Amino acid sequence: MSATPQITDVTVFGGTGFLGREIVAALAAAGLRVRVACRHPDTDDQGIETVYADVRDETSVALALAGSDAAVNTVGLYLDHGAETFAAVHENGARNLARQCAEAGLARLIQVSGIGADTGSESSYVRARAKGELLAAETFPDTTILRPSALFGPRDQFINGLAAIIRTAPIIPLFGNGATLLQPVYVGDVAAAVAACLRHAEAPGRIYELGGPEAIRYRDLLRRIMRATGRQRPILPVPFVLWSWLAALCALLPRPPLTRAQVALMRRDNVVADDMPSLADLGIEPTSLETVLPDYPF
């Protein structure tokens, strides 16, 4: 894979997270010079350059972008805490980065969001992700927006989290009746999509929704993980109103095990829309969950 000729240096904001690390590895494997911008910089085990940046602070963003041809924003926040709010990170942070990319004359900006981003959502997290998309695109019109479904990979929090519940809970509660459709996407495929967007001429200004090869109902996903872990548990439908009540109580905890955003996202199918560009438009064949499950540390 070769990048568009004018793109040789890429700064990845949030490059130390689960997805960010995969993106950094994919870009480095494509022969690009990669810099990781994060709040706690340190040279990683692959020798990738890291620099300080906080997307809430435009000066640090500008310094981190120096010498770059493109940027990737994969910064994520899942809980409001003090000055770290959804609005500050997902909205203002996206705008700050887009503005500095425009001022520096960068060729590409890739904004990682998520399927289900909606300015009308009941969840402040989901609304902020959608507003961040709009602000990035308004400020840097050639922004490419990637909306992955739930990410999976051997070190994920998604499948491993469900496996942990299956190991410890005698009964597995369902969101509603468990009929919500999910289209989990392999983290490596999303990283490959980022690399592809840097070289595809049609990627600037487009939105891609990224999902795996299969849409699966939540209850069936749980059963599949049970088979993979060798543990069978009864499942119990729980109305969404009770989940919302429980999430409100959990919000009082310093590290809540359940959030309002999770409940809001599980109310709606999380699948690639039929009319949206997807992995296939980037020349990527999606990896199945069954292919990767044997690599999990169950």
Protein backbone atom coordinates (compact mmCIF):
# COMPACT_ATOMS: atom_id res chain seq x y z
CA MET A 1 0.00 0.00 0.00
CA SER A 2 1.40 3.37 -0.95
CA ALA A 3 0.15 6.74 0.19
CA THR A 4 -0.82 9.63 -2.04
CA PRO A 5 2.58 11.11 -3.07
CA GLN A 6 2.20 14.38 -1.17
CA ILE A 7 1.35 12.60 2.09
CA THR A 8 4.42 11.33 3.89
CA ASP A 9 3.95 12.54 7.49
CA VAL A 10 0.83 11.87 9.55
CA THR A 11 -0.01 12.90 13.10
CA VAL A 12 -2.43 10.63 14.95
CA PHE A 13 -4.28 12.26 17.84
CA GLY A 14 -5.26 9.68 20.42
CA GLY A 15 -2.77 7.22 18.99
CA THR A 16 -2.21 5.41 22.28
CA GLY A 17 -5.74 3.96 22.52
CA PHE A 18 -7.04 0.60 21.31
CA LEU A 19 -7.89 1.86 17.82
CA GLY A 20 -5.16 4.49 17.75
CA ARG A 21 -2.38 1.94 18.17
CA GLU A 22 -3.73 -0.11 15.28
CA ILE A 23 -3.91 2.99 13.10
CA VAL A 24 -0.34 3.96 13.94
CA ALA A 25 0.88 0.45 13.09
CA ALA A 26 -1.03 0.41 9.78
CA LEU A 27 0.32 3.79 8.71
CA ALA A 28 3.87 2.86 9.64
CA ALA A 29 3.52 -0.39 7.70
CA ALA A 30 2.38 1.68 4.70
CA GLY A 31 5.72 3.49 4.80
CA LEU A 32 4.48 6.75 6.31
CA ARG A 33 6.26 8.71 9.01
CA VAL A 34 3.90 8.70 11.96
CA ARG A 35 3.72 10.93 15.02
CA VAL A 36 1.46 10.20 17.98
CA ALA A 37 -0.08 13.24 19.67
CA CYS A 38 -1.38 12.57 23.17
CA ARG A 39 -1.52 14.09 26.65
CA HIS A 40 1.08 11.74 28.09
CA PRO A 41 3.80 11.39 25.43
CA ASP A 42 6.45 8.71 25.63
CA THR A 43 8.33 6.80 22.93
CA ASP A 44 6.50 3.51 22.51
CA ASP A 45 7.96 0.06 22.01
CA GLN A 46 7.93 0.51 18.22
CA GLY A 47 10.00 3.69 18.36
CA ILE A 48 7.17 5.91 17.08
CA GLU A 49 7.63 9.61 17.88
CA THR A 50 5.17 10.93 20.46
CA VAL A 51 4.46 14.55 21.28
CA TYR A 52 2.24 16.36 23.75
CA ALA A 53 -1.15 17.58 22.57
CA ASP A 54 -4.55 18.17 24.10
CA VAL A 55 -7.30 18.76 21.54
CA ARG A 56 -8.86 21.28 23.94
CA ASP A 57 -5.72 23.44 23.56
CA GLU A 58 -5.18 24.77 20.03
CA THR A 59 -1.59 25.83 20.67
CA SER A 60 -0.57 22.28 21.53
CA VAL A 61 -2.50 20.99 18.51
CA ALA A 62 -0.69 23.41 16.19
CA LEU A 63 2.71 22.38 17.56
CA ALA A 64 1.88 18.68 17.18
CA LEU A 65 0.90 19.20 13.54
CA ALA A 66 4.13 20.93 12.55
CA GLY A 67 5.59 19.26 9.47
CA SER A 68 2.59 16.98 8.92
CA ASP A 69 0.72 16.40 5.68
CA ALA A 70 -2.31 14.76 7.29
CA ALA A 71 -3.93 14.18 10.65
CA VAL A 72 -6.17 11.53 12.19
CA ASN A 73 -8.44 12.30 15.13
CA THR A 74 -9.26 9.21 17.15
CA VAL A 75 -9.53 10.94 20.54
CA GLY A 76 -12.41 9.51 22.54
CA LEU A 77 -14.08 10.33 25.85
CA TYR A 78 -16.76 8.09 27.31
CA LEU A 79 -17.43 9.81 30.64
CA ASP A 80 -17.82 13.47 31.53
CA HIS A 81 -15.38 14.37 34.30
CA GLY A 82 -14.51 17.90 35.41
CA ALA A 83 -13.11 19.89 32.50
CA GLU A 84 -13.08 16.76 30.34
CA THR A 85 -16.56 16.94 28.88
CA PHE A 86 -18.11 15.54 25.73
CA ALA A 87 -18.54 19.06 24.39
CA ALA A 88 -14.93 20.01 25.15
CA VAL A 89 -13.38 16.90 23.59
CA HIS A 90 -15.73 15.67 20.88
CA GLU A 91 -17.08 19.03 19.74
CA ASN A 92 -14.56 21.77 20.48
CA GLY A 93 -11.64 19.37 20.17
CA ALA A 94 -12.73 18.30 16.70
CA ARG A 95 -13.15 21.94 15.66
CA ASN A 96 -9.78 22.93 17.13
CA LEU A 97 -7.97 20.21 15.24
CA ALA A 98 -9.82 20.95 12.00
CA ARG A 99 -9.04 24.66 12.28
CA GLN A 100 -5.34 24.04 12.83
CA CYS A 101 -5.25 21.57 9.94
CA ALA A 102 -6.80 24.24 7.70
CA GLU A 103 -4.40 26.95 8.88
CA ALA A 104 -1.40 24.67 8.38
CA GLY A 105 -2.57 23.67 4.90
CA LEU A 106 -2.73 19.94 5.56
CA ALA A 107 -3.85 17.71 2.69
CA ARG A 108 -6.09 15.37 4.69
CA LEU A 109 -7.97 15.13 7.99
CA ILE A 110 -9.68 11.94 9.11
CA GLN A 111 -12.22 12.24 11.92
CA VAL A 112 -13.16 8.97 13.62
CA SER A 113 -16.72 9.01 14.93
CA GLY A 114 -19.17 6.13 15.19
CA ILE A 115 -22.29 4.63 13.65
CA GLY A 116 -25.31 6.08 15.39
CA ALA A 117 -23.90 9.61 15.79
CA ASP A 118 -27.02 11.78 15.93
CA THR A 119 -27.54 15.39 16.96
CA GLY A 120 -31.05 14.47 18.12
CA SER A 121 -29.98 11.64 20.42
CA GLU A 122 -31.07 11.55 24.06
CA SER A 123 -27.43 10.86 24.95
CA SER A 124 -25.07 13.83 25.32
CA TYR A 125 -22.20 11.55 24.24
CA VAL A 126 -23.90 10.55 21.01
CA ARG A 127 -24.95 14.14 20.29
CA ALA A 128 -21.39 15.36 20.86
CA ARG A 129 -19.96 12.82 18.42
CA ALA A 130 -22.41 14.03 15.76
CA LYS A 131 -21.71 17.70 16.46
CA GLY A 132 -17.99 16.97 16.26
CA GLU A 133 -18.49 15.59 12.76
CA LEU A 134 -20.34 18.72 11.69
CA LEU A 135 -17.81 21.11 13.23
CA ALA A 136 -14.86 19.29 11.65
CA ALA A 137 -16.51 19.28 8.22
CA GLU A 138 -17.52 22.95 8.46
CA THR A 139 -14.01 23.99 9.46
CA PHE A 140 -12.06 21.66 7.14
CA PRO A 141 -14.44 20.77 4.27
CA ASP A 142 -12.24 17.93 3.00
CA THR A 143 -12.53 16.07 6.30
CA THR A 144 -13.09 12.34 5.85
CA ILE A 145 -15.41 10.96 8.53
CA LEU A 146 -15.22 7.30 9.53
CA ARG A 147 -18.07 5.81 11.53
CA PRO A 148 -17.13 2.34 12.76
CA SER A 149 -19.56 0.02 14.49
CA ALA A 150 -18.48 -1.68 17.73
CA LEU A 151 -14.78 -2.55 17.47
CA PHE A 152 -13.49 -6.03 18.13
CA GLY A 153 -9.98 -7.43 18.45
CA PRO A 154 -8.19 -9.70 20.95
CA ARG A 155 -7.42 -6.78 23.32
CA ASP A 156 -10.79 -5.03 23.01
CA GLN A 157 -13.11 -3.98 25.82
CA PHE A 158 -16.21 -5.02 23.88
CA ILE A 159 -16.01 -8.79 23.46
CA ASN A 160 -13.70 -9.22 26.45
CA GLY A 161 -16.12 -7.22 28.58
CA LEU A 162 -19.03 -9.43 27.60
CA ALA A 163 -16.90 -12.53 28.23
CA ALA A 164 -16.09 -11.25 31.71
CA ILE A 165 -19.80 -10.87 32.48
CA ILE A 166 -20.43 -14.37 31.21
CA ARG A 167 -17.67 -15.73 33.46
CA THR A 168 -18.95 -14.10 36.62
CA ALA A 169 -22.71 -13.61 36.34
CA PRO A 170 -25.13 -16.51 36.90
CA ILE A 171 -27.71 -14.83 34.63
CA ILE A 172 -26.95 -12.53 31.68
CA PRO A 173 -29.26 -9.50 31.42
CA LEU A 174 -30.27 -8.39 27.94
CA PHE A 175 -30.83 -4.86 26.70
CA GLY A 176 -34.56 -5.11 26.06
CA ASN A 177 -35.16 -8.48 24.43
CA GLY A 178 -31.69 -8.54 22.89
CA ALA A 179 -32.96 -7.87 19.37
CA THR A 180 -30.72 -4.86 18.66
CA LEU A 181 -28.62 -5.50 15.56
CA LEU A 182 -24.86 -4.92 15.78
CA GLN A 183 -22.28 -5.13 13.01
CA PRO A 184 -18.98 -5.49 14.88
CA VAL A 185 -15.95 -4.46 12.84
CA TYR A 186 -12.39 -5.69 13.25
CA VAL A 187 -10.08 -3.00 14.61
CA GLY A 188 -7.45 -3.88 11.99
CA ASP A 189 -9.95 -3.24 9.19
CA VAL A 190 -10.73 0.23 10.57
CA ALA A 191 -7.01 0.98 10.73
CA ALA A 192 -6.67 -0.20 7.13
CA ALA A 193 -9.56 2.11 6.21
CA VAL A 194 -7.67 5.08 7.65
CA ALA A 195 -4.61 4.20 5.57
CA ALA A 196 -6.78 3.76 2.47
CA CYS A 197 -8.46 7.14 2.98
CA LEU A 198 -5.06 8.83 2.83
CA ARG A 199 -4.46 7.48 -0.66
CA HIS A 200 -7.95 7.42 -2.19
CA ALA A 201 -8.67 10.54 -4.23
CA GLU A 202 -12.41 10.35 -3.54
CA ALA A 203 -12.11 10.08 0.26
CA PRO A 204 -11.91 13.81 1.18
CA GLY A 205 -15.30 15.17 2.19
CA ARG A 206 -16.95 11.74 2.37
CA ILE A 207 -18.49 9.79 5.25
CA TYR A 208 -17.82 6.06 5.48
CA GLU A 209 -19.69 3.67 7.75
CA LEU A 210 -17.58 0.68 8.71
CA GLY A 211 -19.02 -2.65 9.77
CA GLY A 212 -18.04 -6.29 9.69
CA PRO A 213 -19.38 -8.90 7.24
CA GLU A 214 -22.28 -9.86 9.51
CA ALA A 215 -25.08 -8.06 11.35
CA ILE A 216 -25.94 -10.02 14.48
CA ARG A 217 -28.54 -9.55 17.19
CA TYR A 218 -27.16 -8.79 20.63
CA ARG A 219 -28.60 -11.95 22.18
CA ASP A 220 -27.05 -14.10 19.44
CA LEU A 221 -23.70 -12.39 19.93
CA LEU A 222 -23.84 -13.31 23.62
CA ARG A 223 -24.59 -16.93 22.75
CA ARG A 224 -21.66 -16.98 20.33
CA ILE A 225 -19.31 -15.68 23.03
CA MET A 226 -20.68 -18.29 25.43
CA ARG A 227 -19.74 -21.01 22.96
CA ALA A 228 -16.28 -19.53 22.49
CA THR A 229 -15.67 -19.38 26.25
CA GLY A 230 -17.22 -22.77 26.95
CA ARG A 231 -19.69 -21.27 29.45
CA GLN A 232 -23.44 -21.35 29.12
CA ARG A 233 -25.66 -18.95 31.05
CA PRO A 234 -29.40 -18.21 31.00
CA ILE A 235 -30.29 -14.84 29.54
CA LEU A 236 -32.91 -12.49 30.97
CA PRO A 237 -34.70 -9.70 29.03
CA VAL A 238 -34.57 -6.38 30.92
CA PRO A 239 -36.70 -3.40 29.79
CA PHE A 240 -34.77 -0.34 28.62
CA VAL A 241 -36.49 1.84 31.21
CA LEU A 242 -34.77 -0.19 33.93
CA TRP A 243 -31.42 0.10 32.15
CA SER A 244 -31.86 3.89 31.97
CA TRP A 245 -32.65 4.00 35.68
CA LEU A 246 -29.61 1.85 36.48
CA ALA A 247 -27.36 4.03 34.28
CA ALA A 248 -28.54 7.10 36.16
CA LEU A 249 -27.56 5.47 39.45
CA CYS A 250 -24.20 4.32 38.05
CA ALA A 251 -23.45 7.91 36.98
CA LEU A 252 -22.90 8.68 40.68
CA LEU A 253 -19.91 6.32 40.78
CA PRO A 254 -16.35 7.45 39.93
CA ARG A 255 -15.98 4.66 37.32
CA PRO A 256 -19.52 3.64 36.35
CA PRO A 257 -19.83 0.15 34.83
CA LEU A 258 -22.81 1.35 32.78
CA THR A 259 -23.39 4.72 31.12
CA ARG A 260 -26.38 6.51 29.61
CA ALA A 261 -24.55 6.52 26.28
CA GLN A 262 -24.32 2.72 26.25
CA VAL A 263 -28.03 2.41 26.93
CA ALA A 264 -28.87 4.98 24.24
CA LEU A 265 -26.71 3.21 21.66
CA MET A 266 -28.28 -0.18 22.43
CA ARG A 267 -31.77 1.17 21.77
CA ARG A 268 -31.06 1.39 18.03
CA ASP A 269 -29.56 -0.98 15.48
CA ASN A 270 -25.87 -0.22 15.00
CA VAL A 271 -25.32 -1.28 11.39
CA VAL A 272 -24.01 0.24 8.17
CA ALA A 273 -26.71 2.09 6.24
CA ASP A 274 -27.44 0.66 2.79
CA ASP A 275 -26.74 3.99 1.06
CA MET A 276 -23.43 4.78 2.82
CA PRO A 277 -19.90 4.16 1.50
CA SER A 278 -18.26 1.35 3.45
CA LEU A 279 -15.15 -0.82 3.67
CA ALA A 280 -15.86 -2.26 0.23
CA ASP A 281 -15.56 1.23 -1.28
CA LEU A 282 -12.05 1.39 0.16
CA GLY A 283 -11.11 -2.02 -1.26
CA ILE A 284 -11.19 -3.74 2.13
CA GLU A 285 -12.85 -7.11 2.71
CA PRO A 286 -14.19 -7.12 6.28
CA THR A 287 -12.82 -9.68 8.73
CA SER A 288 -15.32 -11.94 10.47
CA LEU A 289 -15.58 -12.22 14.24
CA GLU A 290 -15.30 -16.00 13.94
CA THR A 291 -11.86 -15.58 12.37
CA VAL A 292 -10.55 -13.58 15.32
CA LEU A 293 -12.33 -15.21 18.30
CA PRO A 294 -9.71 -18.02 18.63
CA ASP A 295 -7.08 -15.32 19.36
CA TYR A 296 -8.94 -13.97 22.40
CA PRO A 297 -7.46 -14.69 25.85
CA PHE A 298 -10.64 -16.33 27.17
